[in-house]
Amino acid sequence: MASDPISPSDVAAVQECENAYGKLRDELAKVIVGQSEVIEQTLVAMFARGHALLEGVPGLAKTLLVSSLAESLHLSFKRIQFTPDLMPSDITGTEIIQEDLETKKRRYEFLEGPIFANLILADEINRTPPKTQAAMLEAMQERQVSAGGTVRKLPSPFFVLATQNPLEQEGTYPMPEAQLDRFLLHIRVDYPTGAEEWEIARRVTSGAEEKIAACMTGEQIVQFQDLVKRVPVSDQVLGYAWALIRATRPGTAEAPSFVNQWVAWGAGPRGLLTLVTCAKARAILYGRYHASIGDVQAMVKPALRHRLAANYSAQANGYTSDKLIDMLLEEISSEKTYACPAA
């Protein structure tokens, strides 16, 4: 695919992004041990103008990661602890009656909710009823709040990191797959390695505290988001991502036999858009001016694990979405030559 030559300003912007990413990792390393992939995928989602769902068992520093990220990015930050009694207005805000001290006239005034911040931590989003989840997801999708007949824009950049505990599902409200699809990436937070856990224990029990310095502004993030749109993608890279997505759909000509056997439904066009955009965002994090096959492969699990559903038979046999994606990466060759299909 022919692409316009990269302008000197874009070259400088990509180098600036790489440098900022390096500084950001150094700052987060002061309080977060390991989790390099989680940090990378979180920033990819941010630069791709999307939101991310972090899933992991309790005690893996998900909340600390998000609050530390907010400090290092110099963004306004709000945490919303989701509970079964949380109402939509508790998130978006509500109108209250105010009395003018001089005229004694009463009028409605909108009191902004915690959603009006650059970076939102939606903690344990599966613990609140569907009505409240829907209000949150609508604000995420539209980047605006409608209350009292008035539409109010949310600040820019606007980014939501939601956490979900895979344990203790009794009394929770798991989000339907259609709502999970609104999250650009589904990021898994795993247990630390032995060396990392040793270092965590050493740091925490010593009582040492590190101060994180802000190394990226909101204006820079918006510039990097615009830069991602201009990153070129070759037909070969686009075709590889396209082939991966097409192969996830059971009952189609492109689906491998294991997909027909183990997959209930596959990714839609939003999955392809996510995969390509996130590959472009990852490229600029590492100072490259174009997306590669490696970028697609690095982003395929967080981009597709909530868009590819294993059927009951697969779950009974231990085939998770991640395992099916691994099988998909083995099945779809990156060496094959891809071109735009005929209409």
Protein backbone atom coordinates (compact mmCIF):
# COMPACT_ATOMS: atom_id res chain seq x y z
CA MET A 1 0.00 0.00 0.00
CA ALA A 2 1.48 3.33 -1.02
CA SER A 3 1.68 5.88 1.77
CA ASP A 4 2.65 9.51 1.98
CA PRO A 5 6.23 10.18 3.10
CA ILE A 6 6.54 10.86 6.81
CA SER A 7 6.94 14.54 7.57
CA PRO A 8 9.90 15.74 9.69
CA SER A 9 7.44 16.89 12.34
CA ASP A 10 5.96 13.38 12.59
CA VAL A 11 9.46 11.88 12.83
CA ALA A 12 10.19 14.21 15.73
CA ALA A 13 6.84 13.39 17.33
CA VAL A 14 7.51 9.64 17.16
CA GLN A 15 10.92 10.13 18.77
CA GLU A 16 9.31 12.29 21.45
CA CYS A 17 6.77 9.54 22.12
CA GLU A 18 9.49 6.92 22.49
CA ASN A 19 11.43 9.14 24.91
CA ALA A 20 8.29 9.91 26.93
CA TYR A 21 7.46 6.20 27.14
CA GLY A 22 10.94 5.44 28.45
CA LYS A 23 10.65 8.13 31.13
CA LEU A 24 7.17 6.91 32.04
CA ARG A 25 8.39 3.35 32.57
CA ASP A 26 11.23 4.62 34.76
CA GLU A 27 8.82 6.64 36.92
CA LEU A 28 6.30 3.81 37.29
CA ALA A 29 9.13 1.41 38.18
CA LYS A 30 9.59 3.42 41.38
CA VAL A 31 6.32 2.03 42.77
CA ILE A 32 5.29 -0.79 40.38
CA VAL A 33 7.44 -3.91 40.16
CA GLY A 34 7.19 -5.66 36.78
CA GLN A 35 3.87 -5.49 34.88
CA SER A 36 5.67 -4.10 31.81
CA GLU A 37 3.15 -5.65 29.39
CA VAL A 38 0.21 -4.26 31.38
CA ILE A 39 1.74 -0.76 31.32
CA GLU A 40 2.44 -1.04 27.58
CA GLN A 41 -1.08 -2.23 26.75
CA THR A 42 -2.65 0.46 28.94
CA LEU A 43 -0.77 3.21 27.11
CA VAL A 44 -1.61 1.63 23.75
CA ALA A 45 -5.31 1.83 24.63
CA MET A 46 -4.88 5.45 25.69
CA PHE A 47 -3.08 6.50 22.50
CA ALA A 48 -5.66 4.59 20.44
CA ARG A 49 -8.42 6.70 22.07
CA GLY A 50 -9.99 3.71 23.78
CA HIS A 51 -10.74 2.34 27.23
CA ALA A 52 -9.37 -0.76 28.90
CA LEU A 53 -10.65 -3.44 31.25
CA LEU A 54 -8.08 -4.82 33.70
CA GLU A 55 -8.84 -8.24 35.10
CA GLY A 56 -6.90 -9.93 37.87
CA VAL A 57 -7.23 -11.46 41.30
CA PRO A 58 -7.09 -9.14 44.34
CA GLY A 59 -3.73 -7.83 45.52
CA LEU A 60 -1.98 -7.42 42.15
CA ALA A 61 -1.72 -3.59 42.45
CA LYS A 62 -4.28 -2.80 39.74
CA THR A 63 -5.53 0.26 41.62
CA LEU A 64 -1.99 1.39 42.46
CA LEU A 65 -1.02 1.06 38.80
CA VAL A 66 -3.85 3.32 37.63
CA SER A 67 -3.32 5.99 40.31
CA SER A 68 0.45 5.97 39.64
CA LEU A 69 -0.21 6.29 35.92
CA ALA A 70 -2.39 9.33 36.58
CA GLU A 71 0.43 10.95 38.58
CA SER A 72 3.01 10.28 35.88
CA LEU A 73 0.70 11.66 33.16
CA HIS A 74 -0.23 14.84 35.00
CA LEU A 75 -3.95 14.23 34.45
CA SER A 76 -6.98 14.83 36.64
CA PHE A 77 -7.87 11.53 38.26
CA LYS A 78 -11.02 10.17 39.91
CA ARG A 79 -11.69 6.76 41.40
CA ILE A 80 -15.22 5.34 41.42
CA GLN A 81 -15.72 2.36 43.71
CA PHE A 82 -18.61 0.41 42.19
CA THR A 83 -21.07 -1.08 44.69
CA PRO A 84 -24.52 -2.67 44.35
CA ASP A 85 -26.26 0.52 45.55
CA LEU A 86 -24.44 2.93 43.18
CA MET A 87 -26.84 4.93 40.99
CA PRO A 88 -26.16 6.39 37.50
CA SER A 89 -26.37 9.96 38.87
CA ASP A 90 -23.62 9.10 41.37
CA ILE A 91 -21.32 8.78 38.36
CA THR A 92 -22.56 11.34 35.85
CA GLY A 93 -23.75 14.04 38.27
CA THR A 94 -27.13 15.50 39.14
CA GLU A 95 -29.05 18.77 39.16
CA ILE A 96 -29.56 20.48 42.52
CA ILE A 97 -31.67 23.50 43.47
CA GLN A 98 -29.65 26.59 44.38
CA GLU A 99 -31.01 29.84 45.76
CA ASP A 100 -29.57 33.17 44.63
CA LEU A 101 -28.57 35.10 47.78
CA GLU A 102 -29.52 38.48 46.26
CA THR A 103 -32.69 37.79 44.28
CA LYS A 104 -33.83 34.83 46.41
CA LYS A 105 -34.78 33.06 43.19
CA ARG A 106 -34.21 29.37 42.91
CA ARG A 107 -32.63 27.70 39.92
CA TYR A 108 -31.25 24.33 38.95
CA GLU A 109 -27.50 23.90 38.91
CA PHE A 110 -25.67 20.85 37.60
CA LEU A 111 -23.27 19.24 40.06
CA GLU A 112 -20.66 17.30 38.10
CA GLY A 113 -20.06 13.68 39.02
CA PRO A 114 -16.66 11.95 39.19
CA ILE A 115 -16.88 11.05 35.50
CA PHE A 116 -15.68 14.59 34.71
CA ALA A 117 -11.96 13.85 34.87
CA ASN A 118 -9.25 12.87 32.39
CA LEU A 119 -8.51 9.46 33.87
CA ILE A 120 -11.19 7.40 35.59
CA LEU A 121 -10.60 4.27 37.63
CA ALA A 122 -13.84 2.27 37.59
CA ASP A 123 -12.99 -0.12 40.40
CA GLU A 124 -14.78 -3.50 40.36
CA ILE A 125 -17.23 -2.47 37.64
CA ASN A 126 -18.94 -5.88 37.81
CA ARG A 127 -20.22 -5.14 41.34
CA THR A 128 -22.81 -2.58 40.24
CA PRO A 129 -26.22 -3.20 38.58
CA PRO A 130 -26.63 -3.10 34.77
CA LYS A 131 -28.36 0.32 34.87
CA THR A 132 -25.30 1.95 36.39
CA GLN A 133 -22.92 0.01 34.16
CA ALA A 134 -24.89 1.23 31.13
CA ALA A 135 -24.61 4.88 32.23
CA MET A 136 -20.86 4.46 32.59
CA LEU A 137 -20.46 2.75 29.23
CA GLU A 138 -22.59 5.40 27.49
CA ALA A 139 -20.35 8.15 28.83
CA MET A 140 -17.32 6.16 27.67
CA GLN A 141 -18.71 5.69 24.17
CA GLU A 142 -20.15 9.15 23.57
CA ARG A 143 -17.60 11.07 25.69
CA GLN A 144 -20.45 13.23 26.92
CA VAL A 145 -23.15 13.25 29.60
CA SER A 146 -26.77 14.22 29.05
CA ALA A 147 -28.61 15.51 32.13
CA GLY A 148 -31.57 17.83 32.47
CA GLY A 149 -31.87 18.16 28.70
CA THR A 150 -28.32 19.49 28.37
CA VAL A 151 -25.39 17.67 26.81
CA ARG A 152 -22.09 18.22 28.62
CA LYS A 153 -18.80 17.22 27.02
CA LEU A 154 -16.28 15.26 29.04
CA PRO A 155 -12.70 16.56 29.25
CA SER A 156 -10.08 15.61 26.68
CA PRO A 157 -8.21 13.34 26.87
CA PHE A 158 -10.75 11.03 28.51
CA PHE A 159 -9.79 7.52 29.43
CA VAL A 160 -11.45 4.86 31.61
CA LEU A 161 -9.60 1.98 33.22
CA ALA A 162 -12.07 -0.48 34.70
CA THR A 163 -11.05 -3.34 36.97
CA GLN A 164 -12.84 -6.63 37.37
CA ASN A 165 -12.26 -9.41 39.86
CA PRO A 166 -12.60 -12.86 38.26
CA LEU A 167 -13.24 -14.40 41.69
CA GLU A 168 -16.27 -14.08 43.96
CA GLN A 169 -18.80 -13.89 41.14
CA GLU A 170 -21.73 -14.46 43.51
CA GLY A 171 -23.62 -11.20 44.00
CA THR A 172 -21.93 -9.52 41.03
CA TYR A 173 -23.33 -8.32 37.70
CA PRO A 174 -21.06 -9.66 34.93
CA MET A 175 -21.15 -7.45 31.85
CA PRO A 176 -22.70 -8.97 28.70
CA GLU A 177 -20.37 -9.59 25.78
CA ALA A 178 -21.96 -6.71 23.83
CA GLN A 179 -20.91 -4.33 26.60
CA LEU A 180 -17.46 -5.86 26.99
CA ASP A 181 -16.94 -5.06 23.30
CA ARG A 182 -17.05 -1.35 24.21
CA PHE A 183 -13.67 -1.77 25.88
CA LEU A 184 -10.88 -1.43 23.37
CA LEU A 185 -8.62 -3.85 25.25
CA HIS A 186 -9.14 -6.57 27.85
CA ILE A 187 -5.87 -6.65 29.82
CA ARG A 188 -5.00 -9.58 32.06
CA VAL A 189 -2.95 -8.81 35.19
CA ASP A 190 -1.09 -11.96 36.19
CA TYR A 191 0.84 -12.97 39.29
CA PRO A 192 4.39 -11.56 39.53
CA THR A 193 7.43 -13.74 38.93
CA GLY A 194 9.38 -15.07 41.90
CA ALA A 195 12.02 -12.33 41.63
CA GLU A 196 9.37 -9.62 41.26
CA GLU A 197 7.43 -10.83 44.30
CA TRP A 198 10.64 -10.87 46.35
CA GLU A 199 11.29 -7.25 45.35
CA ILE A 200 7.69 -6.25 46.16
CA ALA A 201 8.02 -7.68 49.67
CA ARG A 202 11.40 -6.00 50.18
CA ARG A 203 10.13 -2.58 49.10
CA VAL A 204 6.81 -2.58 50.92
CA THR A 205 8.09 -3.94 54.24
CA SER A 206 11.02 -1.50 54.28
CA GLY A 207 8.59 1.42 54.35
CA ALA A 208 10.44 3.32 51.61
CA GLU A 209 8.25 5.67 49.58
CA GLU A 210 9.06 7.00 46.12
CA LYS A 211 7.62 10.14 44.55
CA ILE A 212 6.47 9.90 40.94
CA ALA A 213 7.22 12.84 38.67
CA ALA A 214 4.85 13.82 35.87
CA CYS A 215 6.52 13.19 32.51
CA MET A 216 3.65 13.54 30.01
CA THR A 217 0.89 16.15 29.73
CA GLY A 218 -2.68 15.85 28.49
CA GLU A 219 -1.78 18.00 25.48
CA GLN A 220 1.00 15.59 24.54
CA ILE A 221 -1.36 12.63 24.81
CA VAL A 222 -3.83 14.29 22.43
CA GLN A 223 -0.96 14.96 20.00
CA PHE A 224 0.12 11.32 20.17
CA GLN A 225 -3.49 10.21 19.60
CA ASP A 226 -3.56 12.33 16.43
CA LEU A 227 -0.17 10.93 15.42
CA VAL A 228 -1.48 7.34 15.62
CA LYS A 229 -3.99 8.16 12.87
CA ARG A 230 -1.13 9.10 10.54
CA VAL A 231 0.99 5.98 11.12
CA PRO A 232 1.01 3.99 7.86
CA VAL A 233 -0.01 0.33 7.66
CA SER A 234 1.06 -1.81 4.73
CA ASP A 235 -1.35 -4.12 2.92
CA GLN A 236 0.63 -7.08 4.29
CA VAL A 237 0.12 -6.02 7.93
CA LEU A 238 -3.51 -5.05 7.36
CA GLY A 239 -4.12 -8.32 5.51
CA TYR A 240 -2.63 -10.38 8.33
CA ALA A 241 -4.86 -8.66 10.92
CA TRP A 242 -7.84 -9.07 8.56
CA ALA A 243 -7.12 -12.82 8.15
CA LEU A 244 -6.90 -13.30 11.93
CA ILE A 245 -10.28 -11.64 12.46
CA ARG A 246 -11.98 -13.51 9.61
CA ALA A 247 -10.70 -16.80 10.99
CA THR A 248 -12.41 -16.26 14.38
CA ARG A 249 -15.93 -16.61 12.93
CA PRO A 250 -17.36 -20.15 13.05
CA GLY A 251 -19.34 -21.33 10.06
CA THR A 252 -17.46 -19.19 7.55
CA ALA A 253 -15.16 -20.27 4.74
CA GLU A 254 -12.11 -18.79 6.48
CA ALA A 255 -12.68 -20.51 9.83
CA PRO A 256 -10.28 -23.36 10.73
CA SER A 257 -11.81 -26.60 11.99
CA PHE A 258 -10.97 -25.91 15.63
CA VAL A 259 -12.85 -22.59 15.43
CA ASN A 260 -15.96 -24.37 14.14
CA GLN A 261 -15.62 -26.88 16.96
CA TRP A 262 -14.75 -24.63 19.93
CA VAL A 263 -15.90 -21.06 19.22
CA ALA A 264 -19.45 -19.79 19.85
CA TRP A 265 -18.92 -16.52 17.98
CA GLY A 266 -15.98 -14.51 16.71
CA ALA A 267 -14.88 -10.91 16.45
CA GLY A 268 -16.76 -8.35 14.39
CA PRO A 269 -15.35 -5.47 12.33
CA ARG A 270 -14.63 -3.55 15.56
CA GLY A 271 -12.09 -6.26 16.36
CA LEU A 272 -10.17 -5.52 13.15
CA LEU A 273 -10.26 -1.77 13.77
CA THR A 274 -8.97 -2.35 17.29
CA LEU A 275 -6.17 -4.64 16.19
CA VAL A 276 -4.88 -2.30 13.47
CA THR A 277 -5.18 0.89 15.54
CA CYS A 278 -3.49 -0.67 18.57
CA ALA A 279 -0.67 -2.02 16.37
CA LYS A 280 -0.10 1.54 15.14
CA ALA A 281 -0.14 2.91 18.69
CA ARG A 282 2.36 0.30 19.86
CA ALA A 283 4.68 1.15 16.97
CA ILE A 284 5.12 4.78 18.05
CA LEU A 285 5.78 3.71 21.66
CA TYR A 286 8.90 1.98 20.37
CA GLY A 287 9.94 4.80 18.05
CA ARG A 288 8.84 3.19 14.79
CA TYR A 289 7.04 5.02 11.98
CA HIS A 290 4.91 2.13 10.73
CA ALA A 291 3.01 -0.81 12.21
CA SER A 292 4.48 -4.29 11.84
CA ILE A 293 3.37 -7.92 11.99
CA GLY A 294 4.99 -8.09 15.42
CA ASP A 295 2.80 -5.23 16.67
CA VAL A 296 -0.32 -7.09 15.52
CA GLN A 297 0.81 -10.29 17.24
CA ALA A 298 1.63 -8.42 20.46
CA MET A 299 -1.85 -6.86 20.62
CA VAL A 300 -3.99 -9.77 19.43
CA LYS A 301 -4.77 -11.22 22.88
CA PRO A 302 -5.87 -8.02 24.67
CA ALA A 303 -7.75 -6.97 21.52
CA LEU A 304 -9.61 -10.25 20.96
CA ARG A 305 -9.92 -12.18 24.25
CA HIS A 306 -13.26 -10.47 25.01
CA ARG A 307 -14.43 -10.64 21.41
CA LEU A 308 -13.90 -14.37 20.84
CA ALA A 309 -16.20 -16.56 22.92
CA ALA A 310 -15.37 -20.19 23.65
CA ASN A 311 -18.48 -22.41 23.60
CA TYR A 312 -19.54 -24.66 26.49
CA SER A 313 -17.76 -27.67 25.01
CA ALA A 314 -14.50 -25.69 24.75
CA GLN A 315 -14.78 -24.46 28.34
CA ALA A 316 -15.40 -28.01 29.57
CA ASN A 317 -12.22 -29.12 27.81
CA GLY A 318 -10.12 -26.23 29.14
CA TYR A 319 -10.02 -24.18 25.95
CA THR A 320 -9.98 -20.52 27.05
CA SER A 321 -10.09 -17.53 24.71
CA ASP A 322 -6.34 -17.06 25.15
CA LYS A 323 -5.63 -20.68 24.21
CA LEU A 324 -7.84 -20.38 21.14
CA ILE A 325 -5.99 -17.22 20.11
CA ASP A 326 -2.67 -19.08 20.45
CA MET A 327 -4.04 -21.76 18.13
CA LEU A 328 -5.19 -19.04 15.75
CA LEU A 329 -1.69 -17.49 15.63
CA GLU A 330 -0.27 -20.90 14.73
CA GLU A 331 -2.92 -21.45 12.04
CA ILE A 332 -2.76 -18.06 10.26
CA SER A 333 0.59 -17.53 8.59
CA SER A 334 2.23 -14.12 8.59
CA GLU A 335 4.42 -15.25 5.66
CA LYS A 336 1.50 -15.51 3.26
CA THR A 337 1.10 -12.61 0.83
CA TYR A 338 -2.05 -10.60 1.55
CA ALA A 339 -3.83 -8.23 -0.79
CA CYS A 340 -7.18 -6.48 -0.92
CA PRO A 341 -9.86 -9.12 -1.62
CA ALA A 342 -12.02 -8.82 -4.70
CA ALA A 343 -15.43 -7.27 -4.20
